[in-house]
Amino acid sequence: MTTWEYLITPLPLHTPKQVLDMHGSEGWELVSIVTGPEGGSVAYMKRPKQ
């Protein structure tokens, strides 16, 4: 059974792709993007725990 670890990170308005690419290169998989409580975008990511 796979055990996951999670990352919740804000996405900057002007550079969301760079942030997603950076975390993707570290093994993080995007699960969802939602609007945060202050109006900005927040990414929820996961990767298998090592």
N, C-alpha and C. Protein backbone atom coordinates (compact mmCIF):
# COMPACT_ATOMS: atom_id res chain seq x y z
N MET A 1 0.84 -1.18 0.00
CA MET A 1 0.00 0.00 0.00
C MET A 1 0.89 1.25 0.00
N THR A 2 0.59 2.19 -0.86
CA THR A 2 1.36 3.42 -0.96
C THR A 2 0.95 4.39 0.14
N THR A 3 1.95 4.94 0.81
CA THR A 3 1.73 6.00 1.78
C THR A 3 2.18 7.31 1.14
N TRP A 4 1.37 8.37 1.32
CA TRP A 4 1.62 9.64 0.65
C TRP A 4 2.05 10.71 1.64
N GLU A 5 2.84 11.65 1.13
CA GLU A 5 3.07 12.89 1.85
C GLU A 5 2.48 14.01 1.00
N TYR A 6 2.10 15.10 1.64
CA TYR A 6 1.36 16.16 0.95
C TYR A 6 2.07 17.51 1.10
N LEU A 7 1.86 18.35 0.10
CA LEU A 7 2.40 19.71 0.09
C LEU A 7 1.27 20.65 -0.29
N ILE A 8 1.10 21.70 0.48
CA ILE A 8 0.14 22.76 0.17
C ILE A 8 0.96 24.02 -0.01
N THR A 9 0.88 24.62 -1.20
CA THR A 9 1.73 25.77 -1.49
C THR A 9 0.98 26.84 -2.28
N PRO A 10 1.20 28.11 -1.96
CA PRO A 10 0.58 29.18 -2.75
C PRO A 10 1.21 29.24 -4.14
N LEU A 11 0.42 29.64 -5.13
CA LEU A 11 0.92 29.81 -6.49
C LEU A 11 0.97 31.30 -6.81
N PRO A 12 2.15 31.82 -7.10
CA PRO A 12 2.26 33.24 -7.46
C PRO A 12 1.48 33.53 -8.74
N LEU A 13 0.87 34.68 -8.79
CA LEU A 13 0.03 35.07 -9.93
C LEU A 13 0.80 35.06 -11.24
N HIS A 14 2.04 35.52 -11.23
CA HIS A 14 2.79 35.70 -12.48
C HIS A 14 3.67 34.52 -12.86
N THR A 15 3.91 33.58 -11.93
CA THR A 15 4.83 32.47 -12.23
C THR A 15 4.32 31.11 -11.75
N PRO A 16 3.05 30.78 -11.95
CA PRO A 16 2.57 29.49 -11.44
C PRO A 16 3.25 28.30 -12.10
N LYS A 17 3.55 28.39 -13.40
CA LYS A 17 4.17 27.26 -14.10
C LYS A 17 5.54 26.93 -13.53
N GLN A 18 6.32 27.95 -13.23
CA GLN A 18 7.66 27.71 -12.68
C GLN A 18 7.58 26.99 -11.33
N VAL A 19 6.63 27.38 -10.49
CA VAL A 19 6.47 26.74 -9.19
C VAL A 19 6.04 25.29 -9.37
N LEU A 20 5.08 25.04 -10.26
CA LEU A 20 4.62 23.67 -10.49
C LEU A 20 5.73 22.82 -11.10
N ASP A 21 6.49 23.38 -12.04
CA ASP A 21 7.61 22.65 -12.65
C ASP A 21 8.67 22.30 -11.60
N MET A 22 8.97 23.24 -10.71
CA MET A 22 9.98 23.01 -9.68
C MET A 22 9.56 21.85 -8.77
N HIS A 23 8.31 21.89 -8.29
CA HIS A 23 7.84 20.83 -7.41
C HIS A 23 7.70 19.51 -8.17
N GLY A 24 7.29 19.57 -9.42
CA GLY A 24 7.19 18.36 -10.23
C GLY A 24 8.53 17.68 -10.40
N SER A 25 9.59 18.45 -10.56
CA SER A 25 10.93 17.87 -10.70
C SER A 25 11.40 17.23 -9.39
N GLU A 26 10.75 17.56 -8.28
CA GLU A 26 11.07 16.96 -6.98
C GLU A 26 10.15 15.78 -6.67
N GLY A 27 9.33 15.38 -7.66
CA GLY A 27 8.48 14.21 -7.48
C GLY A 27 7.07 14.49 -7.02
N TRP A 28 6.70 15.77 -6.88
CA TRP A 28 5.35 16.11 -6.44
C TRP A 28 4.38 16.04 -7.61
N GLU A 29 3.20 15.51 -7.36
CA GLU A 29 2.13 15.41 -8.36
C GLU A 29 1.00 16.35 -7.95
N LEU A 30 0.55 17.17 -8.89
CA LEU A 30 -0.54 18.11 -8.61
C LEU A 30 -1.85 17.35 -8.44
N VAL A 31 -2.55 17.64 -7.34
CA VAL A 31 -3.85 17.03 -7.07
C VAL A 31 -4.96 18.01 -7.39
N SER A 32 -4.79 19.27 -6.97
CA SER A 32 -5.85 20.25 -7.14
C SER A 32 -5.29 21.66 -6.98
N ILE A 33 -5.94 22.61 -7.62
CA ILE A 33 -5.67 24.04 -7.40
C ILE A 33 -6.99 24.67 -6.98
N VAL A 34 -6.97 25.37 -5.85
CA VAL A 34 -8.18 26.01 -5.34
C VAL A 34 -7.87 27.47 -5.03
N THR A 35 -8.92 28.26 -4.85
CA THR A 35 -8.77 29.64 -4.42
C THR A 35 -8.61 29.66 -2.91
N GLY A 36 -7.54 30.28 -2.45
CA GLY A 36 -7.26 30.36 -1.02
C GLY A 36 -8.16 31.36 -0.32
N PRO A 37 -8.08 31.43 1.00
CA PRO A 37 -8.95 32.32 1.78
C PRO A 37 -8.73 33.80 1.49
N GLU A 38 -7.54 34.14 0.99
CA GLU A 38 -7.26 35.54 0.68
C GLU A 38 -7.36 35.83 -0.81
N GLY A 39 -7.88 34.87 -1.59
CA GLY A 39 -8.13 35.10 -3.01
C GLY A 39 -7.09 34.56 -3.97
N GLY A 40 -5.90 34.23 -3.50
CA GLY A 40 -4.87 33.68 -4.38
C GLY A 40 -5.08 32.19 -4.63
N SER A 41 -4.33 31.65 -5.57
CA SER A 41 -4.41 30.22 -5.87
C SER A 41 -3.49 29.43 -4.94
N VAL A 42 -3.97 28.25 -4.55
CA VAL A 42 -3.21 27.35 -3.69
C VAL A 42 -3.19 25.98 -4.36
N ALA A 43 -1.99 25.39 -4.45
CA ALA A 43 -1.84 24.07 -5.06
C ALA A 43 -1.73 23.01 -3.96
N TYR A 44 -2.46 21.91 -4.14
CA TYR A 44 -2.35 20.74 -3.28
C TYR A 44 -1.63 19.68 -4.08
N MET A 45 -0.54 19.15 -3.52
CA MET A 45 0.30 18.20 -4.24
C MET A 45 0.57 17.00 -3.34
N LYS A 46 0.94 15.87 -3.98
CA LYS A 46 1.27 14.66 -3.22
C LYS A 46 2.42 13.95 -3.91
N ARG A 47 3.12 13.09 -3.12
CA ARG A 47 4.13 12.19 -3.67
C ARG A 47 4.25 11.00 -2.72
N PRO A 48 4.69 9.87 -3.25
CA PRO A 48 4.86 8.71 -2.37
C PRO A 48 5.89 9.01 -1.29
N LYS A 49 5.58 8.57 -0.07
CA LYS A 49 6.49 8.77 1.04
C LYS A 49 7.67 7.81 0.89
N GLN A 50 8.85 8.27 1.21
CA GLN A 50 10.05 7.43 1.05
C GLN A 50 10.54 6.91 2.37
